């Protein structure tokens, strides 16, 4: 494993398990849609917005020529995605 991504702010602050190979930890911060209060439509929109944002990041990452990129280049892209 080269990388692992956390998306929950609580998980980003926790000590993660020791993974073999010392993978790079990347955090993509998302508000927890389960913490959304309001009407059912507002809650649904919160989940939908979180899903869409995560989907865009995963599609962007998976569309890269990862097999031709070194670990530093991939880390930089993942960090830029985190800043979106």
PDB file of N, CA and C in Angstrom:
ATOM      1  N   UNK A   1       0.851  -1.164   0.000  1.00  0.00           N
ATOM      2  CA  UNK A   1       0.000   0.000   0.000  1.00  0.00           C
ATOM      3  C   UNK A   1       0.901   1.232   0.000  1.00  0.00           C
ATOM      4  N   UNK A   2       0.603   2.159  -0.893  1.00  0.00           N
ATOM      5  CA  UNK A   2       1.401   3.386  -0.982  1.00  0.00           C
ATOM      6  C   UNK A   2       0.752   4.573  -0.288  1.00  0.00           C
ATOM      7  N   UNK A   3      -0.571   4.592  -0.254  1.00  0.00           N
ATOM      8  CA  UNK A   3      -1.320   5.719   0.294  1.00  0.00           C
ATOM      9  C   UNK A   3      -2.549   5.202   1.029  1.00  0.00           C
ATOM     10  N   UNK A   4      -3.014   5.997   1.977  1.00  0.00           N
ATOM     11  CA  UNK A   4      -4.359   5.791   2.489  1.00  0.00           C
ATOM     12  C   UNK A   4      -4.973   7.160   2.708  1.00  0.00           C
ATOM     13  N   UNK A   5      -6.266   7.230   2.488  1.00  0.00           N
ATOM     14  CA  UNK A   5      -6.998   8.498   2.541  1.00  0.00           C
ATOM     15  C   UNK A   5      -8.038   8.413   3.640  1.00  0.00           C
ATOM     16  N   UNK A   6      -8.025   9.412   4.519  1.00  0.00           N
ATOM     17  CA  UNK A   6      -9.103   9.545   5.495  1.00  0.00           C
ATOM     18  C   UNK A   6      -9.998  10.686   5.035  1.00  0.00           C
ATOM     19  N   UNK A   7     -11.274  10.592   5.345  1.00  0.00           N
ATOM     20  CA  UNK A   7     -12.218  11.632   4.942  1.00  0.00           C
ATOM     21  C   UNK A   7     -12.954  12.236   6.127  1.00  0.00           C
ATOM     22  N   UNK A   8     -12.878  11.594   7.256  1.00  0.00           N
ATOM     23  CA  UNK A   8     -13.540  12.079   8.467  1.00  0.00           C
ATOM     24  C   UNK A   8     -12.530  12.869   9.287  1.00  0.00           C
ATOM     25  N   UNK A   9     -12.907  14.072   9.704  1.00  0.00           N
ATOM     26  CA  UNK A   9     -11.980  14.901  10.469  1.00  0.00           C
ATOM     27  C   UNK A   9     -11.573  14.222  11.777  1.00  0.00           C
ATOM     28  N   UNK A  10     -12.465  13.458  12.393  1.00  0.00           N
ATOM     29  CA  UNK A  10     -12.094  12.724  13.607  1.00  0.00           C
ATOM     30  C   UNK A  10     -11.000  11.710  13.301  1.00  0.00           C
ATOM     31  N   UNK A  11     -11.124  11.007  12.185  1.00  0.00           N
ATOM     32  CA  UNK A  11     -10.122  10.003  11.814  1.00  0.00           C
ATOM     33  C   UNK A  11      -8.776  10.654  11.517  1.00  0.00           C
ATOM     34  N   UNK A  12      -8.791  11.866  10.997  1.00  0.00           N
ATOM     35  CA  UNK A  12      -7.535  12.547  10.667  1.00  0.00           C
ATOM     36  C   UNK A  12      -6.726  12.849  11.922  1.00  0.00           C
ATOM     37  N   UNK A  13      -7.409  13.015  13.047  1.00  0.00           N
ATOM     38  CA  UNK A  13      -6.717  13.337  14.303  1.00  0.00           C
ATOM     39  C   UNK A  13      -6.314  12.098  15.091  1.00  0.00           C
ATOM     40  N   UNK A  14      -6.877  10.947  14.705  1.00  0.00           N
ATOM     41  CA  UNK A  14      -6.583   9.713  15.426  1.00  0.00           C
ATOM     42  C   UNK A  14      -5.302   9.077  14.912  1.00  0.00           C
ATOM     43  N   UNK A  15      -4.723   8.284  15.751  1.00  0.00           N
ATOM     44  CA  UNK A  15      -3.563   7.519  15.311  1.00  0.00           C
ATOM     45  C   UNK A  15      -4.066   6.374  14.460  1.00  0.00           C
ATOM     46  N   UNK A  16      -3.583   6.311  13.247  1.00  0.00           N
ATOM     47  CA  UNK A  16      -3.998   5.256  12.332  1.00  0.00           C
ATOM     48  C   UNK A  16      -3.184   4.003  12.601  1.00  0.00           C
ATOM     49  N   UNK A  17      -3.720   2.869  12.190  1.00  0.00           N
ATOM     50  CA  UNK A  17      -2.946   1.635  12.366  1.00  0.00           C
ATOM     51  C   UNK A  17      -1.646   1.692  11.564  1.00  0.00           C
ATOM     52  N   UNK A  18      -0.708   0.885  11.973  1.00  0.00           N
ATOM     53  CA  UNK A  18       0.540   0.779  11.216  1.00  0.00           C
ATOM     54  C   UNK A  18       0.290  -0.119  10.019  1.00  0.00           C
ATOM     55  N   UNK A  19       0.363   0.489   8.829  1.00  0.00           N
ATOM     56  CA  UNK A  19       0.187  -0.278   7.604  1.00  0.00           C
ATOM     57  C   UNK A  19       1.553  -0.694   7.092  1.00  0.00           C
ATOM     58  N   UNK A  20       1.644  -1.873   6.481  1.00  0.00           N
ATOM     59  CA  UNK A  20       2.933  -2.296   5.930  1.00  0.00           C
ATOM     60  C   UNK A  20       3.407  -1.338   4.842  1.00  0.00           C
ATOM     61  N   UNK A  21       4.692  -1.107   4.800  1.00  0.00           N
ATOM     62  CA  UNK A  21       5.266  -0.270   3.758  1.00  0.00           C
ATOM     63  C   UNK A  21       5.229   1.215   4.033  1.00  0.00           C
ATOM     64  N   UNK A  22       4.776   1.634   5.202  1.00  0.00           N
ATOM     65  CA  UNK A  22       4.716   3.052   5.578  1.00  0.00           C
ATOM     66  C   UNK A  22       4.043   3.914   4.508  1.00  0.00           C
ATOM     67  N   UNK A  23       2.760   3.666   4.229  1.00  0.00           N
ATOM     68  CA  UNK A  23       2.072   4.449   3.205  1.00  0.00           C
ATOM     69  C   UNK A  23       1.886   5.907   3.618  1.00  0.00           C
ATOM     70  N   UNK A  24       1.758   6.755   2.634  1.00  0.00           N
ATOM     71  CA  UNK A  24       1.527   8.189   2.836  1.00  0.00           C
ATOM     72  C   UNK A  24       0.072   8.408   3.251  1.00  0.00           C
ATOM     73  N   UNK A  25      -0.133   9.165   4.313  1.00  0.00           N
ATOM     74  CA  UNK A  25      -1.487   9.499   4.779  1.00  0.00           C
ATOM     75  C   UNK A  25      -1.921  10.811   4.146  1.00  0.00           C
ATOM     76  N   UNK A  26      -3.057  10.791   3.489  1.00  0.00           N
ATOM     77  CA  UNK A  26      -3.669  11.985   2.901  1.00  0.00           C
ATOM     78  C   UNK A  26      -5.030  12.154   3.538  1.00  0.00           C
ATOM     79  N   UNK A  27      -5.362  13.386   3.899  1.00  0.00           N
ATOM     80  CA  UNK A  27      -6.689  13.639   4.472  1.00  0.00           C
ATOM     81  C   UNK A  27      -7.491  14.532   3.541  1.00  0.00           C
ATOM     82  N   UNK A  28      -8.665  14.048   3.158  1.00  0.00           N
ATOM     83  CA  UNK A  28      -9.619  14.839   2.389  1.00  0.00           C
ATOM     84  C   UNK A  28     -10.758  15.174   3.346  1.00  0.00           C
ATOM     85  N   UNK A  29     -10.813  16.408   3.783  1.00  0.00           N
ATOM     86  CA  UNK A  29     -11.786  16.820   4.793  1.00  0.00           C
ATOM     87  C   UNK A  29     -13.182  17.000   4.190  1.00  0.00           C
ATOM     88  N   UNK A  30     -14.128  16.325   4.787  1.00  0.00           N
ATOM     89  CA  UNK A  30     -15.535  16.477   4.422  1.00  0.00           C
ATOM     90  C   UNK A  30     -16.343  16.669   5.693  1.00  0.00           C
ATOM     91  N   UNK A  31     -17.328  17.528   5.621  1.00  0.00           N
ATOM     92  CA  UNK A  31     -18.260  17.641   6.740  1.00  0.00           C
ATOM     93  C   UNK A  31     -19.052  16.342   6.821  1.00  0.00           C
ATOM     94  N   UNK A  32     -19.327  15.913   8.028  1.00  0.00           N
ATOM     95  CA  UNK A  32     -20.075  14.670   8.216  1.00  0.00           C
ATOM     96  C   UNK A  32     -21.541  14.910   7.879  1.00  0.00           C
ATOM     97  N   UNK A  33     -22.039  14.343   6.794  1.00  0.00           N
ATOM     98  CA  UNK A  33     -23.433  14.592   6.438  1.00  0.00           C
ATOM     99  C   UNK A  33     -24.404  14.016   7.461  1.00  0.00           C
ATOM    100  N   UNK A  34     -23.970  13.024   8.227  1.00  0.00           N
ATOM    101  CA  UNK A  34     -24.836  12.446   9.255  1.00  0.00           C
ATOM    102  C   UNK A  34     -25.083  13.429  10.391  1.00  0.00           C
ATOM    103  N   UNK A  35     -24.253  14.450  10.513  1.00  0.00           N
ATOM    104  CA  UNK A  35     -24.421  15.461  11.559  1.00  0.00           C
ATOM    105  C   UNK A  35     -25.347  16.593  11.107  1.00  0.00           C
ATOM    106  N   UNK A  36     -25.820  16.528   9.872  1.00  0.00           N
ATOM    107  CA  UNK A  36     -26.686  17.576   9.345  1.00  0.00           C
ATOM    108  C   UNK A  36     -28.039  17.540  10.038  1.00  0.00           C
ATOM    109  N   UNK A  37     -28.492  18.712  10.425  1.00  0.00           N
ATOM    110  CA  UNK A  37     -29.834  18.837  10.989  1.00  0.00           C
ATOM    111  C   UNK A  37     -30.681  19.643  10.015  1.00  0.00           C
ATOM    112  N   UNK A  38     -31.955  19.508  10.136  1.00  0.00           N
ATOM    113  CA  UNK A  38     -32.847  20.241   9.251  1.00  0.00           C
ATOM    114  C   UNK A  38     -33.891  19.311   8.660  1.00  0.00           C
ATOM    115  N   UNK A  39     -34.440  19.751   7.583  1.00  0.00           N
ATOM    116  CA  UNK A  39     -35.491  18.981   6.926  1.00  0.00           C
ATOM    117  C   UNK A  39     -34.882  17.745   6.258  1.00  0.00           C
ATOM    118  N   UNK A  40     -35.707  16.766   5.970  1.00  0.00           N
ATOM    119  CA  UNK A  40     -35.196  15.602   5.245  1.00  0.00           C
ATOM    120  C   UNK A  40     -34.527  15.989   3.917  1.00  0.00           C
ATOM    121  N   UNK A  41     -35.043  16.997   3.252  1.00  0.00           N
ATOM    122  CA  UNK A  41     -34.442  17.438   1.995  1.00  0.00           C
ATOM    123  C   UNK A  41     -33.052  18.041   2.235  1.00  0.00           C
ATOM    124  N   UNK A  42     -32.882  18.799   3.309  1.00  0.00           N
ATOM    125  CA  UNK A  42     -31.573  19.367   3.630  1.00  0.00           C
ATOM    126  C   UNK A  42     -30.567  18.271   3.962  1.00  0.00           C
ATOM    127  N   UNK A  43     -30.998  17.272   4.691  1.00  0.00           N
ATOM    128  CA  UNK A  43     -30.117  16.152   5.033  1.00  0.00           C
ATOM    129  C   UNK A  43     -29.741  15.388   3.762  1.00  0.00           C
ATOM    130  N   UNK A  44     -30.710  15.134   2.900  1.00  0.00           N
ATOM    131  CA  UNK A  44     -30.451  14.440   1.638  1.00  0.00           C
ATOM    132  C   UNK A  44     -29.442  15.217   0.787  1.00  0.00           C
ATOM    133  N   UNK A  45     -29.588  16.544   0.735  1.00  0.00           N
ATOM    134  CA  UNK A  45     -28.655  17.382  -0.028  1.00  0.00           C
ATOM    135  C   UNK A  45     -27.250  17.319   0.568  1.00  0.00           C
ATOM    136  N   UNK A  46     -27.144  17.262   1.893  1.00  0.00           N
ATOM    137  CA  UNK A  46     -25.829  17.164   2.534  1.00  0.00           C
ATOM    138  C   UNK A  46     -25.138  15.863   2.139  1.00  0.00           C
ATOM    139  N   UNK A  47     -25.867  14.753   2.162  1.00  0.00           N
ATOM    140  CA  UNK A  47     -25.291  13.466   1.752  1.00  0.00           C
ATOM    141  C   UNK A  47     -24.935  13.483   0.275  1.00  0.00           C
ATOM    142  N   UNK A  48     -25.814  14.018  -0.536  1.00  0.00           N
ATOM    143  CA  UNK A  48     -25.571  14.080  -1.976  1.00  0.00           C
ATOM    144  C   UNK A  48     -24.353  14.938  -2.297  1.00  0.00           C
ATOM    145  N   UNK A  49     -24.222  16.089  -1.642  1.00  0.00           N
ATOM    146  CA  UNK A  49     -23.080  16.972  -1.871  1.00  0.00           C
ATOM    147  C   UNK A  49     -21.764  16.318  -1.474  1.00  0.00           C
ATOM    148  N   UNK A  50     -21.772  15.619  -0.353  1.00  0.00           N
ATOM    149  CA  UNK A  50     -20.564  14.919   0.106  1.00  0.00           C
ATOM    150  C   UNK A  50     -20.200  13.813  -0.884  1.00  0.00           C
ATOM    151  N   UNK A  51     -21.185  13.049  -1.295  1.00  0.00           N
ATOM    152  CA  UNK A  51     -20.942  11.975  -2.257  1.00  0.00           C
ATOM    153  C   UNK A  51     -20.380  12.530  -3.567  1.00  0.00           C
ATOM    154  N   UNK A  52     -20.993  13.594  -4.069  1.00  0.00           N
ATOM    155  CA  UNK A  52     -20.534  14.178  -5.340  1.00  0.00           C
ATOM    156  C   UNK A  52     -19.095  14.677  -5.244  1.00  0.00           C
ATOM    157  N   UNK A  53     -18.762  15.338  -4.159  1.00  0.00           N
ATOM    158  CA  UNK A  53     -17.395  15.861  -3.986  1.00  0.00           C
ATOM    159  C   UNK A  53     -16.380  14.718  -3.896  1.00  0.00           C
ATOM    160  N   UNK A  54     -16.729  13.680  -3.161  1.00  0.00           N
ATOM    161  CA  UNK A  54     -15.836  12.530  -3.048  1.00  0.00           C
ATOM    162  C   UNK A  54     -15.710  11.822  -4.395  1.00  0.00           C
ATOM    163  N   UNK A  55     -16.805  11.673  -5.097  1.00  0.00           N
ATOM    164  CA  UNK A  55     -16.796  11.024  -6.412  1.00  0.00           C
ATOM    165  C   UNK A  55     -15.875  11.759  -7.381  1.00  0.00           C
ATOM    166  N   UNK A  56     -15.954  13.086  -7.397  1.00  0.00           N
ATOM    167  CA  UNK A  56     -15.107  13.879  -8.292  1.00  0.00           C
ATOM    168  C   UNK A  56     -13.634  13.658  -7.976  1.00  0.00           C
ATOM    169  N   UNK A  57     -13.288  13.630  -6.706  1.00  0.00           N
ATOM    170  CA  UNK A  57     -11.885  13.420  -6.324  1.00  0.00           C
ATOM    171  C   UNK A  57     -11.403  12.025  -6.729  1.00  0.00           C
ATOM    172  N   UNK A  58     -12.235  11.022  -6.504  1.00  0.00           N
ATOM    173  CA  UNK A  58     -11.843   9.657  -6.847  1.00  0.00           C
ATOM    174  C   UNK A  58     -11.720   9.503  -8.363  1.00  0.00           C
ATOM    175  N   UNK A  59     -12.654  10.052  -9.118  1.00  0.00           N
ATOM    176  CA  UNK A  59     -12.577   9.980 -10.578  1.00  0.00           C
ATOM    177  C   UNK A  59     -11.330  10.702 -11.072  1.00  0.00           C
ATOM    178  N   UNK A  60     -11.059  11.869 -10.517  1.00  0.00           N
ATOM    179  CA  UNK A  60      -9.862  12.619 -10.916  1.00  0.00           C
ATOM    180  C   UNK A  60      -8.607  11.808 -10.638  1.00  0.00           C
ATOM    181  N   UNK A  61      -8.514  11.251  -9.447  1.00  0.00           N
ATOM    182  CA  UNK A  61      -7.347  10.465  -9.074  1.00  0.00           C
ATOM    183  C   UNK A  61      -7.209   9.226  -9.954  1.00  0.00           C
ATOM    184  N   UNK A  62      -8.303   8.539 -10.196  1.00  0.00           N
ATOM    185  CA  UNK A  62      -8.221   7.295 -10.970  1.00  0.00           C
ATOM    186  C   UNK A  62      -7.979   7.545 -12.457  1.00  0.00           C
ATOM    187  N   UNK A  63      -8.163   8.773 -12.912  1.00  0.00           N
ATOM    188  CA  UNK A  63      -7.918   9.075 -14.323  1.00  0.00           C
ATOM    189  C   UNK A  63      -6.453   9.439 -14.596  1.00  0.00           C
ATOM    190  N   UNK A  64      -5.662   9.549 -13.562  1.00  0.00           N
ATOM    191  CA  UNK A  64      -4.252   9.905 -13.727  1.00  0.00           C
ATOM    192  C   UNK A  64      -3.430   8.708 -14.190  1.00  0.00           C
ATOM    193  N   UNK A  65      -2.338   8.961 -14.873  1.00  0.00           N
ATOM    194  CA  UNK A  65      -1.448   7.862 -15.272  1.00  0.00           C
ATOM    195  C   UNK A  65      -0.555   7.450 -14.097  1.00  0.00           C
ATOM    196  N   UNK A  66      -1.162   6.887 -13.081  1.00  0.00           N
ATOM    197  CA  UNK A  66      -0.465   6.592 -11.828  1.00  0.00           C
ATOM    198  C   UNK A  66       0.749   5.689 -12.020  1.00  0.00           C
ATOM    199  N   UNK A  67       0.692   4.814 -13.004  1.00  0.00           N
ATOM    200  CA  UNK A  67       1.810   3.896 -13.212  1.00  0.00           C
ATOM    201  C   UNK A  67       3.053   4.602 -13.762  1.00  0.00           C
ATOM    202  N   UNK A  68       2.896   5.835 -14.239  1.00  0.00           N
ATOM    203  CA  UNK A  68       4.055   6.585 -14.748  1.00  0.00           C
ATOM    204  C   UNK A  68       4.462   7.724 -13.808  1.00  0.00           C
ATOM    205  N   UNK A  69       3.765   7.861 -12.704  1.00  0.00           N
ATOM    206  CA  UNK A  69       4.040   8.939 -11.752  1.00  0.00           C
ATOM    207  C   UNK A  69       4.788   8.381 -10.551  1.00  0.00           C
ATOM    208  N   UNK A  70       5.686   9.201  -9.980  1.00  0.00           N
ATOM    209  CA  UNK A  70       6.343   8.755  -8.758  1.00  0.00           C
ATOM    210  C   UNK A  70       5.477   9.131  -7.554  1.00  0.00           C
ATOM    211  N   UNK A  71       5.863   8.607  -6.401  1.00  0.00           N
ATOM    212  CA  UNK A  71       5.060   8.791  -5.179  1.00  0.00           C
ATOM    213  C   UNK A  71       4.886  10.267  -4.819  1.00  0.00           C
ATOM    214  N   UNK A  72       5.926  11.062  -5.015  1.00  0.00           N
ATOM    215  CA  UNK A  72       5.845  12.491  -4.691  1.00  0.00           C
ATOM    216  C   UNK A  72       4.829  13.205  -5.590  1.00  0.00           C
ATOM    217  N   UNK A  73       4.837  12.880  -6.877  1.00  0.00           N
ATOM    218  CA  UNK A  73       3.865  13.499  -7.796  1.00  0.00           C
ATOM    219  C   UNK A  73       2.433  13.130  -7.410  1.00  0.00           C
ATOM    220  N   UNK A  74       2.221  11.872  -7.083  1.00  0.00           N
ATOM    221  CA  UNK A  74       0.877  11.423  -6.689  1.00  0.00           C
ATOM    222  C   UNK A  74       0.456  12.106  -5.394  1.00  0.00           C
ATOM    223  N   UNK A  75       1.382  12.197  -4.438  1.00  0.00           N
ATOM    224  CA  UNK A  75       1.076  12.876  -3.176  1.00  0.00           C
ATOM    225  C   UNK A  75       0.678  14.327  -3.427  1.00  0.00           C
ATOM    226  N   UNK A  76       1.405  15.006  -4.297  1.00  0.00           N
ATOM    227  CA  UNK A  76       1.086  16.402  -4.605  1.00  0.00           C
ATOM    228  C   UNK A  76      -0.305  16.539  -5.207  1.00  0.00           C
ATOM    229  N   UNK A  77      -0.650  15.655  -6.119  1.00  0.00           N
ATOM    230  CA  UNK A  77      -1.992  15.695  -6.719  1.00  0.00           C
ATOM    231  C   UNK A  77      -3.048  15.434  -5.656  1.00  0.00           C
ATOM    232  N   UNK A  78      -2.815  14.449  -4.814  1.00  0.00           N
ATOM    233  CA  UNK A  78      -3.783  14.121  -3.766  1.00  0.00           C
ATOM    234  C   UNK A  78      -3.962  15.286  -2.792  1.00  0.00           C
ATOM    235  N   UNK A  79      -2.868  15.987  -2.496  1.00  0.00           N
ATOM    236  CA  UNK A  79      -2.965  17.148  -1.611  1.00  0.00           C
ATOM    237  C   UNK A  79      -3.751  18.287  -2.293  1.00  0.00           C
ATOM    238  N   UNK A  80      -3.509  18.493  -3.586  1.00  0.00           N
ATOM    239  CA  UNK A  80      -4.260  19.517  -4.306  1.00  0.00           C
ATOM    240  C   UNK A  80      -5.754  19.170  -4.335  1.00  0.00           C
ATOM    241  N   UNK A  81      -6.064  17.892  -4.478  1.00  0.00           N
ATOM    242  CA  UNK A  81      -7.470  17.482  -4.421  1.00  0.00           C
ATOM    243  C   UNK A  81      -8.053  17.751  -3.034  1.00  0.00           C
ATOM    244  N   UNK A  82      -7.249  17.586  -2.008  1.00  0.00           N
ATOM    245  CA  UNK A  82      -7.706  17.844  -0.644  1.00  0.00           C
ATOM    246  C   UNK A  82      -8.040  19.312  -0.438  1.00  0.00           C
ATOM    247  N   UNK A  83      -7.363  20.185  -1.171  1.00  0.00           N
ATOM    248  CA  UNK A  83      -7.562  21.622  -1.008  1.00  0.00           C
ATOM    249  C   UNK A  83      -8.784  22.146  -1.765  1.00  0.00           C
ATOM    250  N   UNK A  84      -9.440  21.290  -2.492  1.00  0.00           N
ATOM    251  CA  UNK A  84     -10.630  21.715  -3.261  1.00  0.00           C
ATOM    252  C   UNK A  84     -11.807  21.942  -2.357  1.00  0.00           C
TER     253      UNK A  84
END
